[in-house]
């Protein structure tokens, strides 16, 4: 009977952590379809729009460096709860934003929520799954965020186009989902033993096991390339679609983002058990082809643009999915440093 109870609890915790991870990722993509509208309504320059995206990265980096391993010391439940709460708060600030400064504050809050949530909820997935499935869970940690980011952008684009109050409704819908997720988050049971040294963990540090440094830095290059392009699409993709391709529909603009992140996620899953080196070589080659296609003056049709962008980022994403997550995972697990592994991956991103 005890075994059955443990199985039910593990299933509940895994589902709660997975939903939380999806929502944290989705909330970061929600503003993307609205960036062109902000530019029109408030007269924002491309540099100002880019700054709105950049401050999100600033909040994410600072949080990962200082609080990235906090859940190892105080528990997954309080950190996951705070991540979801801060994410909901950022959505509410955006819903009622009336200036660039308000957007910047909201995006910093989003970065903090993501910095707390990605590593903690990703580690929680491991806590609530058997050791034999940890490789698959590591794959989910790589595939779920980009898919959820794209879904968040697509949902936002649909609501912007078809729902009333386009500057408020998308954020309020996502905020409502985040607030609902707080309830099961409160019920999570701690599976990971807490470690001493909570104050010392807040001091920024980067310590990579010597045995995996070479592989890690190879994977970091792929992560930088792929996620730099994802960042460009999230920050400027909707504006590029509207300006260069005359895509006036927020839904179609968001669909272009979803094509990039969704396809990359699917490829990451499909290639997870393939030979990592072969996938890396193929992915890097396809990255170059996709980049050249995207820059080509012949890319004028929406379908060709979306296809080239999907090839561009999807091909790059299979590299970190296989090279970063699969070979490095076992090494970090040997050092009982699962959260550190996830934190470094997101720092690279």
C-alpha atoms as a PDB file:
ATOM      1  CA  UNK A   1       0.000   0.000   0.000  1.00  0.00           C
ATOM      2  CA  UNK A   2       2.859   2.340   0.813  1.00  0.00           C
ATOM      3  CA  UNK A   3       4.353   1.626  -2.569  1.00  0.00           C
ATOM      4  CA  UNK A   4       1.093   2.624  -4.265  1.00  0.00           C
ATOM      5  CA  UNK A   5       0.904   5.856  -2.307  1.00  0.00           C
ATOM      6  CA  UNK A   6       4.459   6.722  -3.245  1.00  0.00           C
ATOM      7  CA  UNK A   7       3.669   6.082  -6.919  1.00  0.00           C
ATOM      8  CA  UNK A   8       0.626   8.377  -6.823  1.00  0.00           C
ATOM      9  CA  UNK A   9       2.581  11.099  -5.044  1.00  0.00           C
ATOM     10  CA  UNK A  10       5.428  10.847  -7.541  1.00  0.00           C
ATOM     11  CA  UNK A  11       2.977  11.068 -10.437  1.00  0.00           C
ATOM     12  CA  UNK A  12       1.313  14.128  -8.920  1.00  0.00           C
ATOM     13  CA  UNK A  13       4.649  15.825  -8.284  1.00  0.00           C
ATOM     14  CA  UNK A  14       5.957  15.058 -11.767  1.00  0.00           C
ATOM     15  CA  UNK A  15       2.795  16.383 -13.414  1.00  0.00           C
ATOM     16  CA  UNK A  16       2.811  19.516 -11.265  1.00  0.00           C
ATOM     17  CA  UNK A  17       6.478  20.216 -12.029  1.00  0.00           C
ATOM     18  CA  UNK A  18       5.958  19.611 -15.754  1.00  0.00           C
ATOM     19  CA  UNK A  19       2.956  21.946 -15.906  1.00  0.00           C
ATOM     20  CA  UNK A  20       4.877  24.568 -13.941  1.00  0.00           C
ATOM     21  CA  UNK A  21       7.841  24.295 -16.309  1.00  0.00           C
ATOM     22  CA  UNK A  22       5.518  24.705 -19.304  1.00  0.00           C
ATOM     23  CA  UNK A  23       3.863  27.781 -17.797  1.00  0.00           C
ATOM     24  CA  UNK A  24       7.165  29.429 -16.872  1.00  0.00           C
ATOM     25  CA  UNK A  25       8.377  28.961 -20.445  1.00  0.00           C
ATOM     26  CA  UNK A  26       5.053  30.001 -22.007  1.00  0.00           C
ATOM     27  CA  UNK A  27       4.853  33.207 -19.996  1.00  0.00           C
ATOM     28  CA  UNK A  28       8.242  34.312 -21.349  1.00  0.00           C
ATOM     29  CA  UNK A  29       6.962  34.058 -24.936  1.00  0.00           C
ATOM     30  CA  UNK A  30       3.640  35.783 -24.297  1.00  0.00           C
ATOM     31  CA  UNK A  31       4.793  39.376 -25.020  1.00  0.00           C
ATOM     32  CA  UNK A  32       6.393  38.584 -28.399  1.00  0.00           C
ATOM     33  CA  UNK A  33       3.327  39.136 -30.666  1.00  0.00           C
ATOM     34  CA  UNK A  34       2.650  42.440 -28.890  1.00  0.00           C
ATOM     35  CA  UNK A  35       6.014  44.042 -29.572  1.00  0.00           C
ATOM     36  CA  UNK A  36       4.965  45.512 -32.964  1.00  0.00           C
ATOM     37  CA  UNK A  37       1.825  46.937 -31.318  1.00  0.00           C
ATOM     38  CA  UNK A  38       3.885  48.554 -28.584  1.00  0.00           C
ATOM     39  CA  UNK A  39       6.089  50.087 -31.271  1.00  0.00           C
ATOM     40  CA  UNK A  40       3.048  51.576 -33.021  1.00  0.00           C
ATOM     41  CA  UNK A  41       1.192  52.746 -29.928  1.00  0.00           C
ATOM     42  CA  UNK A  42       4.120  54.164 -28.002  1.00  0.00           C
ATOM     43  CA  UNK A  43       6.475  54.951 -30.887  1.00  0.00           C
ATOM     44  CA  UNK A  44       9.195  52.606 -29.644  1.00  0.00           C
ATOM     45  CA  UNK A  45      12.321  52.248 -31.736  1.00  0.00           C
ATOM     46  CA  UNK A  46      13.748  48.815 -32.641  1.00  0.00           C
ATOM     47  CA  UNK A  47      16.477  49.447 -30.061  1.00  0.00           C
ATOM     48  CA  UNK A  48      13.897  50.062 -27.340  1.00  0.00           C
ATOM     49  CA  UNK A  49      11.982  46.946 -28.327  1.00  0.00           C
ATOM     50  CA  UNK A  50      15.222  44.969 -28.182  1.00  0.00           C
ATOM     51  CA  UNK A  51      15.972  46.418 -24.751  1.00  0.00           C
ATOM     52  CA  UNK A  52      12.642  45.091 -23.498  1.00  0.00           C
ATOM     53  CA  UNK A  53      13.819  41.617 -24.452  1.00  0.00           C
ATOM     54  CA  UNK A  54      17.379  42.180 -23.215  1.00  0.00           C
ATOM     55  CA  UNK A  55      16.407  43.087 -19.647  1.00  0.00           C
ATOM     56  CA  UNK A  56      14.670  39.715 -19.416  1.00  0.00           C
ATOM     57  CA  UNK A  57      18.045  38.087 -20.048  1.00  0.00           C
ATOM     58  CA  UNK A  58      19.626  40.333 -17.399  1.00  0.00           C
ATOM     59  CA  UNK A  59      17.116  39.233 -14.770  1.00  0.00           C
ATOM     60  CA  UNK A  60      17.541  35.600 -15.814  1.00  0.00           C
ATOM     61  CA  UNK A  61      21.351  35.670 -15.621  1.00  0.00           C
ATOM     62  CA  UNK A  62      21.551  37.414 -12.244  1.00  0.00           C
ATOM     63  CA  UNK A  63      18.993  35.037 -10.761  1.00  0.00           C
ATOM     64  CA  UNK A  64      20.715  31.928 -12.122  1.00  0.00           C
ATOM     65  CA  UNK A  65      24.096  33.064 -10.816  1.00  0.00           C
ATOM     66  CA  UNK A  66      22.810  33.838  -7.324  1.00  0.00           C
ATOM     67  CA  UNK A  67      19.728  31.673  -6.751  1.00  0.00           C
ATOM     68  CA  UNK A  68      20.193  28.938  -9.336  1.00  0.00           C
ATOM     69  CA  UNK A  69      20.923  26.281  -6.692  1.00  0.00           C
ATOM     70  CA  UNK A  70      18.714  27.721  -3.959  1.00  0.00           C
ATOM     71  CA  UNK A  71      16.222  24.862  -4.120  1.00  0.00           C
ATOM     72  CA  UNK A  72      18.989  22.430  -3.114  1.00  0.00           C
ATOM     73  CA  UNK A  73      19.148  24.219   0.220  1.00  0.00           C
ATOM     74  CA  UNK A  74      15.627  25.363   1.070  1.00  0.00           C
ATOM     75  CA  UNK A  75      13.610  22.872  -0.988  1.00  0.00           C
ATOM     76  CA  UNK A  76      11.912  22.702  -4.373  1.00  0.00           C
ATOM     77  CA  UNK A  77       8.452  23.696  -3.141  1.00  0.00           C
ATOM     78  CA  UNK A  78       9.186  27.246  -1.867  1.00  0.00           C
ATOM     79  CA  UNK A  79      11.366  28.139  -4.853  1.00  0.00           C
ATOM     80  CA  UNK A  80       8.877  26.745  -7.367  1.00  0.00           C
ATOM     81  CA  UNK A  81       6.060  28.621  -5.621  1.00  0.00           C
ATOM     82  CA  UNK A  82       8.017  31.894  -5.727  1.00  0.00           C
ATOM     83  CA  UNK A  83       8.849  31.378  -9.408  1.00  0.00           C
ATOM     84  CA  UNK A  84       5.199  30.912 -10.341  1.00  0.00           C
ATOM     85  CA  UNK A  85       4.115  33.825  -8.141  1.00  0.00           C
ATOM     86  CA  UNK A  86       6.682  36.223  -9.621  1.00  0.00           C
ATOM     87  CA  UNK A  87       5.739  35.067 -13.126  1.00  0.00           C
ATOM     88  CA  UNK A  88       2.071  35.833 -12.405  1.00  0.00           C
ATOM     89  CA  UNK A  89       3.058  39.245 -11.028  1.00  0.00           C
ATOM     90  CA  UNK A  90       5.037  40.023 -14.188  1.00  0.00           C
ATOM     91  CA  UNK A  91       1.986  39.228 -16.319  1.00  0.00           C
ATOM     92  CA  UNK A  92      -0.180  41.560 -14.233  1.00  0.00           C
ATOM     93  CA  UNK A  93       2.373  44.370 -14.523  1.00  0.00           C
ATOM     94  CA  UNK A  94       2.420  43.905 -18.294  1.00  0.00           C
ATOM     95  CA  UNK A  95      -1.370  43.808 -18.476  1.00  0.00           C
ATOM     96  CA  UNK A  96      -1.581  47.292 -16.981  1.00  0.00           C
ATOM     97  CA  UNK A  97       1.654  48.735 -18.370  1.00  0.00           C
ATOM     98  CA  UNK A  98       1.365  52.212 -19.853  1.00  0.00           C
ATOM     99  CA  UNK A  99       5.006  53.042 -20.516  1.00  0.00           C
ATOM    100  CA  UNK A 100       8.344  51.573 -21.559  1.00  0.00           C
ATOM    101  CA  UNK A 101       9.550  51.611 -17.950  1.00  0.00           C
ATOM    102  CA  UNK A 102       6.640  49.428 -16.858  1.00  0.00           C
ATOM    103  CA  UNK A 103       7.462  46.941 -19.605  1.00  0.00           C
ATOM    104  CA  UNK A 104      11.092  46.865 -18.515  1.00  0.00           C
ATOM    105  CA  UNK A 105      10.108  46.171 -14.899  1.00  0.00           C
ATOM    106  CA  UNK A 106       7.777  43.387 -15.995  1.00  0.00           C
ATOM    107  CA  UNK A 107      10.446  41.799 -18.166  1.00  0.00           C
ATOM    108  CA  UNK A 108      12.956  41.849 -15.300  1.00  0.00           C
ATOM    109  CA  UNK A 109      10.367  40.058 -13.169  1.00  0.00           C
ATOM    110  CA  UNK A 110       9.931  37.544 -15.976  1.00  0.00           C
ATOM    111  CA  UNK A 111      13.665  36.932 -16.021  1.00  0.00           C
ATOM    112  CA  UNK A 112      13.738  36.378 -12.264  1.00  0.00           C
ATOM    113  CA  UNK A 113      10.807  33.966 -12.468  1.00  0.00           C
ATOM    114  CA  UNK A 114      12.476  32.034 -15.288  1.00  0.00           C
ATOM    115  CA  UNK A 115      15.797  31.916 -13.452  1.00  0.00           C
ATOM    116  CA  UNK A 116      14.113  30.438 -10.399  1.00  0.00           C
ATOM    117  CA  UNK A 117      11.700  28.205 -12.267  1.00  0.00           C
ATOM    118  CA  UNK A 118      13.662  26.523 -15.045  1.00  0.00           C
ATOM    119  CA  UNK A 119      16.324  24.931 -12.865  1.00  0.00           C
ATOM    120  CA  UNK A 120      14.080  24.183  -9.887  1.00  0.00           C
ATOM    121  CA  UNK A 121      11.173  22.697 -11.811  1.00  0.00           C
ATOM    122  CA  UNK A 122      13.546  20.817 -14.100  1.00  0.00           C
ATOM    123  CA  UNK A 123      15.241  19.305 -11.056  1.00  0.00           C
ATOM    124  CA  UNK A 124      11.834  18.544  -9.538  1.00  0.00           C
ATOM    125  CA  UNK A 125      11.044  16.422 -12.597  1.00  0.00           C
ATOM    126  CA  UNK A 126      14.032  14.299 -11.631  1.00  0.00           C
ATOM    127  CA  UNK A 127      12.955  14.109  -7.997  1.00  0.00           C
ATOM    128  CA  UNK A 128       9.588  12.648  -8.987  1.00  0.00           C
ATOM    129  CA  UNK A 129      10.855  10.119 -11.530  1.00  0.00           C
ATOM    130  CA  UNK A 130      12.813   6.870 -11.113  1.00  0.00           C
ATOM    131  CA  UNK A 131      16.547   6.923 -11.767  1.00  0.00           C
ATOM    132  CA  UNK A 132      16.056   4.705 -14.805  1.00  0.00           C
ATOM    133  CA  UNK A 133      14.061   7.486 -16.500  1.00  0.00           C
ATOM    134  CA  UNK A 134      16.413  10.368 -15.743  1.00  0.00           C
ATOM    135  CA  UNK A 135      17.834  10.355 -19.263  1.00  0.00           C
ATOM    136  CA  UNK A 136      14.348  10.827 -20.673  1.00  0.00           C
ATOM    137  CA  UNK A 137      13.628  13.546 -18.121  1.00  0.00           C
ATOM    138  CA  UNK A 138      16.812  15.340 -19.173  1.00  0.00           C
ATOM    139  CA  UNK A 139      15.512  15.235 -22.741  1.00  0.00           C
ATOM    140  CA  UNK A 140      12.211  16.759 -21.556  1.00  0.00           C
ATOM    141  CA  UNK A 141      14.139  19.546 -19.878  1.00  0.00           C
ATOM    142  CA  UNK A 142      15.560  20.370 -23.287  1.00  0.00           C
ATOM    143  CA  UNK A 143      12.446  19.898 -25.399  1.00  0.00           C
ATOM    144  CA  UNK A 144       9.637  21.300 -23.247  1.00  0.00           C
ATOM    145  CA  UNK A 145      10.798  24.941 -22.805  1.00  0.00           C
ATOM    146  CA  UNK A 146      11.099  25.877 -26.513  1.00  0.00           C
ATOM    147  CA  UNK A 147       7.767  24.224 -27.337  1.00  0.00           C
ATOM    148  CA  UNK A 148       6.065  26.005 -24.428  1.00  0.00           C
ATOM    149  CA  UNK A 149       7.629  29.338 -25.385  1.00  0.00           C
ATOM    150  CA  UNK A 150       6.199  28.975 -28.885  1.00  0.00           C
ATOM    151  CA  UNK A 151       2.807  27.939 -27.550  1.00  0.00           C
ATOM    152  CA  UNK A 152       2.769  30.975 -25.258  1.00  0.00           C
ATOM    153  CA  UNK A 153       3.495  33.243 -28.218  1.00  0.00           C
ATOM    154  CA  UNK A 154       0.832  31.534 -30.366  1.00  0.00           C
ATOM    155  CA  UNK A 155      -1.826  31.749 -27.656  1.00  0.00           C
ATOM    156  CA  UNK A 156      -0.984  35.397 -27.162  1.00  0.00           C
ATOM    157  CA  UNK A 157      -1.183  36.096 -30.908  1.00  0.00           C
ATOM    158  CA  UNK A 158      -4.621  34.491 -31.150  1.00  0.00           C
ATOM    159  CA  UNK A 159      -5.916  36.466 -28.179  1.00  0.00           C
ATOM    160  CA  UNK A 160      -4.425  39.702 -29.505  1.00  0.00           C
ATOM    161  CA  UNK A 161      -6.210  39.239 -32.826  1.00  0.00           C
ATOM    162  CA  UNK A 162      -9.567  37.874 -31.744  1.00  0.00           C
ATOM    163  CA  UNK A 163     -10.147  38.827 -28.103  1.00  0.00           C
ATOM    164  CA  UNK A 164     -11.116  42.281 -26.820  1.00  0.00           C
ATOM    165  CA  UNK A 165      -8.511  44.426 -25.060  1.00  0.00           C
ATOM    166  CA  UNK A 166      -5.470  42.955 -26.833  1.00  0.00           C
ATOM    167  CA  UNK A 167      -2.987  44.621 -24.478  1.00  0.00           C
ATOM    168  CA  UNK A 168      -4.545  43.056 -21.397  1.00  0.00           C
ATOM    169  CA  UNK A 169      -6.304  39.760 -22.166  1.00  0.00           C
ATOM    170  CA  UNK A 170      -3.248  37.656 -23.180  1.00  0.00           C
ATOM    171  CA  UNK A 171      -1.436  38.540 -19.976  1.00  0.00           C
ATOM    172  CA  UNK A 172      -4.484  38.065 -17.774  1.00  0.00           C
ATOM    173  CA  UNK A 173      -5.142  34.610 -19.243  1.00  0.00           C
ATOM    174  CA  UNK A 174      -1.562  33.467 -18.616  1.00  0.00           C
ATOM    175  CA  UNK A 175      -1.556  35.093 -15.162  1.00  0.00           C
ATOM    176  CA  UNK A 176      -4.710  33.147 -14.281  1.00  0.00           C
ATOM    177  CA  UNK A 177      -3.068  29.865 -15.284  1.00  0.00           C
ATOM    178  CA  UNK A 178       0.019  30.694 -13.233  1.00  0.00           C
ATOM    179  CA  UNK A 179      -2.082  31.541 -10.190  1.00  0.00           C
ATOM    180  CA  UNK A 180      -3.977  28.260 -10.526  1.00  0.00           C
ATOM    181  CA  UNK A 181      -0.661  26.406 -10.697  1.00  0.00           C
ATOM    182  CA  UNK A 182       0.244  27.815  -7.272  1.00  0.00           C
ATOM    183  CA  UNK A 183      -2.288  25.482  -5.643  1.00  0.00           C
ATOM    184  CA  UNK A 184      -0.672  22.151  -6.592  1.00  0.00           C
ATOM    185  CA  UNK A 185       2.762  23.727  -6.126  1.00  0.00           C
ATOM    186  CA  UNK A 186       1.907  24.225  -2.453  1.00  0.00           C
ATOM    187  CA  UNK A 187       1.246  20.496  -2.161  1.00  0.00           C
ATOM    188  CA  UNK A 188       4.550  19.295  -3.571  1.00  0.00           C
ATOM    189  CA  UNK A 189       6.429  16.924  -1.298  1.00  0.00           C
ATOM    190  CA  UNK A 190      10.154  17.343  -0.888  1.00  0.00           C
ATOM    191  CA  UNK A 191      12.097  14.385  -2.285  1.00  0.00           C
ATOM    192  CA  UNK A 192      15.555  15.921  -2.424  1.00  0.00           C
ATOM    193  CA  UNK A 193      17.556  16.151   0.825  1.00  0.00           C
ATOM    194  CA  UNK A 194      18.302  19.734   1.779  1.00  0.00           C
ATOM    195  CA  UNK A 195      21.923  20.785   1.922  1.00  0.00           C
ATOM    196  CA  UNK A 196      23.568  23.239   4.321  1.00  0.00           C
ATOM    197  CA  UNK A 197      25.201  26.463   3.175  1.00  0.00           C
ATOM    198  CA  UNK A 198      22.224  28.419   1.836  1.00  0.00           C
ATOM    199  CA  UNK A 199      23.981  31.796   2.219  1.00  0.00           C
ATOM    200  CA  UNK A 200      27.143  30.535   0.570  1.00  0.00           C
ATOM    201  CA  UNK A 201      25.069  29.290  -2.379  1.00  0.00           C
ATOM    202  CA  UNK A 202      23.995  32.877  -3.128  1.00  0.00           C
ATOM    203  CA  UNK A 203      27.578  33.846  -4.008  1.00  0.00           C
ATOM    204  CA  UNK A 204      27.948  33.622  -7.814  1.00  0.00           C
ATOM    205  CA  UNK A 205      30.167  30.722  -8.844  1.00  0.00           C
ATOM    206  CA  UNK A 206      30.711  28.521 -11.874  1.00  0.00           C
ATOM    207  CA  UNK A 207      32.366  25.168 -11.181  1.00  0.00           C
ATOM    208  CA  UNK A 208      32.336  22.575 -13.941  1.00  0.00           C
ATOM    209  CA  UNK A 209      33.768  19.085 -13.281  1.00  0.00           C
ATOM    210  CA  UNK A 210      37.127  18.784 -15.024  1.00  0.00           C
ATOM    211  CA  UNK A 211      36.144  15.503 -16.668  1.00  0.00           C
ATOM    212  CA  UNK A 212      33.374  17.140 -18.743  1.00  0.00           C
ATOM    213  CA  UNK A 213      34.727  20.617 -19.445  1.00  0.00           C
ATOM    214  CA  UNK A 214      35.648  19.908 -23.062  1.00  0.00           C
ATOM    215  CA  UNK A 215      32.238  18.454 -23.912  1.00  0.00           C
ATOM    216  CA  UNK A 216      30.471  21.168 -21.986  1.00  0.00           C
ATOM    217  CA  UNK A 217      32.133  24.044 -23.812  1.00  0.00           C
ATOM    218  CA  UNK A 218      31.470  22.375 -27.159  1.00  0.00           C
ATOM    219  CA  UNK A 219      27.794  22.194 -26.220  1.00  0.00           C
ATOM    220  CA  UNK A 220      27.833  25.793 -24.987  1.00  0.00           C
ATOM    221  CA  UNK A 221      28.756  26.972 -28.479  1.00  0.00           C
ATOM    222  CA  UNK A 222      25.712  25.220 -29.906  1.00  0.00           C
ATOM    223  CA  UNK A 223      23.504  26.613 -27.156  1.00  0.00           C
ATOM    224  CA  UNK A 224      24.729  30.150 -27.776  1.00  0.00           C
ATOM    225  CA  UNK A 225      24.126  29.883 -31.517  1.00  0.00           C
ATOM    226  CA  UNK A 226      20.678  28.329 -31.306  1.00  0.00           C
ATOM    227  CA  UNK A 227      19.293  30.432 -28.485  1.00  0.00           C
ATOM    228  CA  UNK A 228      20.718  33.669 -29.856  1.00  0.00           C
ATOM    229  CA  UNK A 229      18.517  32.994 -32.883  1.00  0.00           C
ATOM    230  CA  UNK A 230      15.567  32.045 -30.697  1.00  0.00           C
ATOM    231  CA  UNK A 231      16.054  35.321 -28.830  1.00  0.00           C
ATOM    232  CA  UNK A 232      16.078  37.263 -32.078  1.00  0.00           C
ATOM    233  CA  UNK A 233      12.829  35.596 -33.128  1.00  0.00           C
ATOM    234  CA  UNK A 234      11.150  36.212 -29.783  1.00  0.00           C
ATOM    235  CA  UNK A 235      12.266  39.825 -29.608  1.00  0.00           C
ATOM    236  CA  UNK A 236      12.024  40.913 -33.231  1.00  0.00           C
ATOM    237  CA  UNK A 237      10.350  38.036 -35.090  1.00  0.00           C
ATOM    238  CA  UNK A 238       6.878  39.551 -35.051  1.00  0.00           C
ATOM    239  CA  UNK A 239       8.230  42.952 -36.130  1.00  0.00           C
ATOM    240  CA  UNK A 240      10.297  41.400 -38.925  1.00  0.00           C
ATOM    241  CA  UNK A 241       7.296  39.425 -40.162  1.00  0.00           C
ATOM    242  CA  UNK A 242       5.164  42.558 -40.215  1.00  0.00           C
ATOM    243  CA  UNK A 243       7.745  44.873 -41.762  1.00  0.00           C
ATOM    244  CA  UNK A 244       9.419  42.656 -44.352  1.00  0.00           C
ATOM    245  CA  UNK A 245       6.643  40.200 -45.176  1.00  0.00           C
ATOM    246  CA  UNK A 246       3.657  42.474 -44.568  1.00  0.00           C
ATOM    247  CA  UNK A 247       2.137  39.988 -42.119  1.00  0.00           C
ATOM    248  CA  UNK A 248      -0.516  42.063 -40.376  1.00  0.00           C
ATOM    249  CA  UNK A 249      -2.075  39.168 -38.482  1.00  0.00           C
ATOM    250  CA  UNK A 250      -0.669  38.727 -34.945  1.00  0.00           C
ATOM    251  CA  UNK A 251      -1.654  35.065 -35.163  1.00  0.00           C
ATOM    252  CA  UNK A 252       0.460  34.479 -38.276  1.00  0.00           C
ATOM    253  CA  UNK A 253       3.346  36.395 -36.743  1.00  0.00           C
ATOM    254  CA  UNK A 254       3.130  34.195 -33.652  1.00  0.00           C
ATOM    255  CA  UNK A 255       2.823  31.113 -35.841  1.00  0.00           C
ATOM    256  CA  UNK A 256       6.214  31.937 -37.338  1.00  0.00           C
ATOM    257  CA  UNK A 257       7.660  31.919 -33.814  1.00  0.00           C
ATOM    258  CA  UNK A 258       5.853  28.681 -32.995  1.00  0.00           C
ATOM    259  CA  UNK A 259       7.202  27.069 -36.160  1.00  0.00           C
ATOM    260  CA  UNK A 260      10.733  27.796 -35.026  1.00  0.00           C
ATOM    261  CA  UNK A 261      10.462  26.700 -31.399  1.00  0.00           C
ATOM    262  CA  UNK A 262       7.988  23.869 -31.976  1.00  0.00           C
ATOM    263  CA  UNK A 263       9.962  22.251 -34.770  1.00  0.00           C
ATOM    264  CA  UNK A 264      13.168  22.532 -32.755  1.00  0.00           C
ATOM    265  CA  UNK A 265      11.514  20.808 -29.816  1.00  0.00           C
ATOM    266  CA  UNK A 266      10.199  17.956 -31.960  1.00  0.00           C
ATOM    267  CA  UNK A 267      13.598  17.396 -33.565  1.00  0.00           C
ATOM    268  CA  UNK A 268      15.223  17.408 -30.145  1.00  0.00           C
ATOM    269  CA  UNK A 269      12.938  14.569 -29.067  1.00  0.00           C
ATOM    270  CA  UNK A 270      13.274  12.562 -32.286  1.00  0.00           C
ATOM    271  CA  UNK A 271      17.074  12.702 -32.318  1.00  0.00           C
ATOM    272  CA  UNK A 272      17.675  12.206 -28.610  1.00  0.00           C
ATOM    273  CA  UNK A 273      18.764   8.571 -28.990  1.00  0.00           C
ATOM    274  CA  UNK A 274      20.827   9.115 -32.124  1.00  0.00           C
ATOM    275  CA  UNK A 275      24.610   9.355 -32.144  1.00  0.00           C
ATOM    276  CA  UNK A 276      25.439  12.728 -30.580  1.00  0.00           C
ATOM    277  CA  UNK A 277      28.433  13.524 -32.804  1.00  0.00           C
ATOM    278  CA  UNK A 278      26.580  12.809 -36.040  1.00  0.00           C
ATOM    279  CA  UNK A 279      23.607  14.870 -34.913  1.00  0.00           C
ATOM    280  CA  UNK A 280      25.901  17.753 -33.959  1.00  0.00           C
ATOM    281  CA  UNK A 281      27.599  17.793 -37.356  1.00  0.00           C
ATOM    282  CA  UNK A 282      24.276  17.578 -39.194  1.00  0.00           C
ATOM    283  CA  UNK A 283      22.720  20.229 -36.993  1.00  0.00           C
ATOM    284  CA  UNK A 284      25.575  22.690 -37.475  1.00  0.00           C
ATOM    285  CA  UNK A 285      25.483  22.181 -41.231  1.00  0.00           C
ATOM    286  CA  UNK A 286      21.726  22.739 -41.329  1.00  0.00           C
ATOM    287  CA  UNK A 287      22.200  25.808 -39.142  1.00  0.00           C
ATOM    288  CA  UNK A 288      24.411  27.390 -41.780  1.00  0.00           C
ATOM    289  CA  UNK A 289      21.980  26.494 -44.579  1.00  0.00           C
ATOM    290  CA  UNK A 290      19.023  27.874 -42.653  1.00  0.00           C
ATOM    291  CA  UNK A 291      20.867  31.081 -41.839  1.00  0.00           C
ATOM    292  CA  UNK A 292      21.802  31.664 -45.475  1.00  0.00           C
ATOM    293  CA  UNK A 293      18.220  30.936 -46.539  1.00  0.00           C
ATOM    294  CA  UNK A 294      16.846  33.389 -43.994  1.00  0.00           C
ATOM    295  CA  UNK A 295      19.160  36.127 -45.200  1.00  0.00           C
ATOM    296  CA  UNK A 296      18.461  35.464 -48.858  1.00  0.00           C
ATOM    297  CA  UNK A 297      16.732  38.225 -50.766  1.00  0.00           C
ATOM    298  CA  UNK A 298      14.546  35.538 -52.352  1.00  0.00           C
ATOM    299  CA  UNK A 299      12.817  34.772 -49.034  1.00  0.00           C
ATOM    300  CA  UNK A 300       9.701  36.844 -49.530  1.00  0.00           C
ATOM    301  CA  UNK A 301       6.871  34.350 -49.179  1.00  0.00           C
ATOM    302  CA  UNK A 302       5.578  33.637 -45.707  1.00  0.00           C
ATOM    303  CA  UNK A 303       5.822  29.865 -46.113  1.00  0.00           C
ATOM    304  CA  UNK A 304       9.448  30.043 -47.247  1.00  0.00           C
ATOM    305  CA  UNK A 305      10.352  32.422 -44.457  1.00  0.00           C
ATOM    306  CA  UNK A 306       8.792  30.220 -41.773  1.00  0.00           C
ATOM    307  CA  UNK A 307      10.393  27.099 -43.255  1.00  0.00           C
ATOM    308  CA  UNK A 308      13.852  28.647 -43.337  1.00  0.00           C
ATOM    309  CA  UNK A 309      13.516  29.930 -39.778  1.00  0.00           C
ATOM    310  CA  UNK A 310      12.303  26.547 -38.570  1.00  0.00           C
ATOM    311  CA  UNK A 311      15.264  24.854 -40.251  1.00  0.00           C
ATOM    312  CA  UNK A 312      17.611  27.455 -38.821  1.00  0.00           C
ATOM    313  CA  UNK A 313      16.803  27.103 -35.143  1.00  0.00           C
ATOM    314  CA  UNK A 314      15.510  23.541 -35.177  1.00  0.00           C
ATOM    315  CA  UNK A 315      18.741  22.270 -36.644  1.00  0.00           C
ATOM    316  CA  UNK A 316      20.719  24.101 -34.004  1.00  0.00           C
ATOM    317  CA  UNK A 317      18.483  22.932 -31.185  1.00  0.00           C
ATOM    318  CA  UNK A 318      19.146  19.241 -31.811  1.00  0.00           C
ATOM    319  CA  UNK A 319      22.790  19.929 -30.946  1.00  0.00           C
ATOM    320  CA  UNK A 320      22.238  20.973 -27.316  1.00  0.00           C
ATOM    321  CA  UNK A 321      19.454  18.429 -26.940  1.00  0.00           C
ATOM    322  CA  UNK A 322      21.841  15.565 -27.664  1.00  0.00           C
ATOM    323  CA  UNK A 323      25.341  16.883 -27.030  1.00  0.00           C
ATOM    324  CA  UNK A 324      24.611  18.910 -23.909  1.00  0.00           C
ATOM    325  CA  UNK A 325      21.947  16.867 -22.198  1.00  0.00           C
ATOM    326  CA  UNK A 326      22.831  13.258 -22.964  1.00  0.00           C
ATOM    327  CA  UNK A 327      26.627  12.868 -22.527  1.00  0.00           C
ATOM    328  CA  UNK A 328      27.018  15.528 -19.833  1.00  0.00           C
ATOM    329  CA  UNK A 329      24.056  14.429 -17.786  1.00  0.00           C
ATOM    330  CA  UNK A 330      25.666  11.254 -16.448  1.00  0.00           C
ATOM    331  CA  UNK A 331      28.830  13.124 -15.474  1.00  0.00           C
ATOM    332  CA  UNK A 332      27.012  15.782 -13.483  1.00  0.00           C
ATOM    333  CA  UNK A 333      24.779  13.122 -11.951  1.00  0.00           C
ATOM    334  CA  UNK A 334      27.910  11.337 -10.723  1.00  0.00           C
ATOM    335  CA  UNK A 335      28.738  14.465  -8.722  1.00  0.00           C
ATOM    336  CA  UNK A 336      25.153  14.679  -7.376  1.00  0.00           C
ATOM    337  CA  UNK A 337      24.899  18.012  -9.147  1.00  0.00           C
ATOM    338  CA  UNK A 338      21.723  17.782 -11.190  1.00  0.00           C
ATOM    339  CA  UNK A 339      20.612  21.333 -10.376  1.00  0.00           C
ATOM    340  CA  UNK A 340      24.080  22.666 -11.146  1.00  0.00           C
ATOM    341  CA  UNK A 341      23.896  20.984 -14.551  1.00  0.00           C
ATOM    342  CA  UNK A 342      20.521  22.575 -15.316  1.00  0.00           C
ATOM    343  CA  UNK A 343      21.715  25.964 -14.065  1.00  0.00           C
ATOM    344  CA  UNK A 344      24.786  25.892 -16.350  1.00  0.00           C
ATOM    345  CA  UNK A 345      22.671  24.900 -19.331  1.00  0.00           C
ATOM    346  CA  UNK A 346      20.344  27.852 -18.742  1.00  0.00           C
ATOM    347  CA  UNK A 347      23.281  30.182 -18.068  1.00  0.00           C
ATOM    348  CA  UNK A 348      24.640  29.257 -21.483  1.00  0.00           C
ATOM    349  CA  UNK A 349      21.220  29.868 -23.009  1.00  0.00           C
END
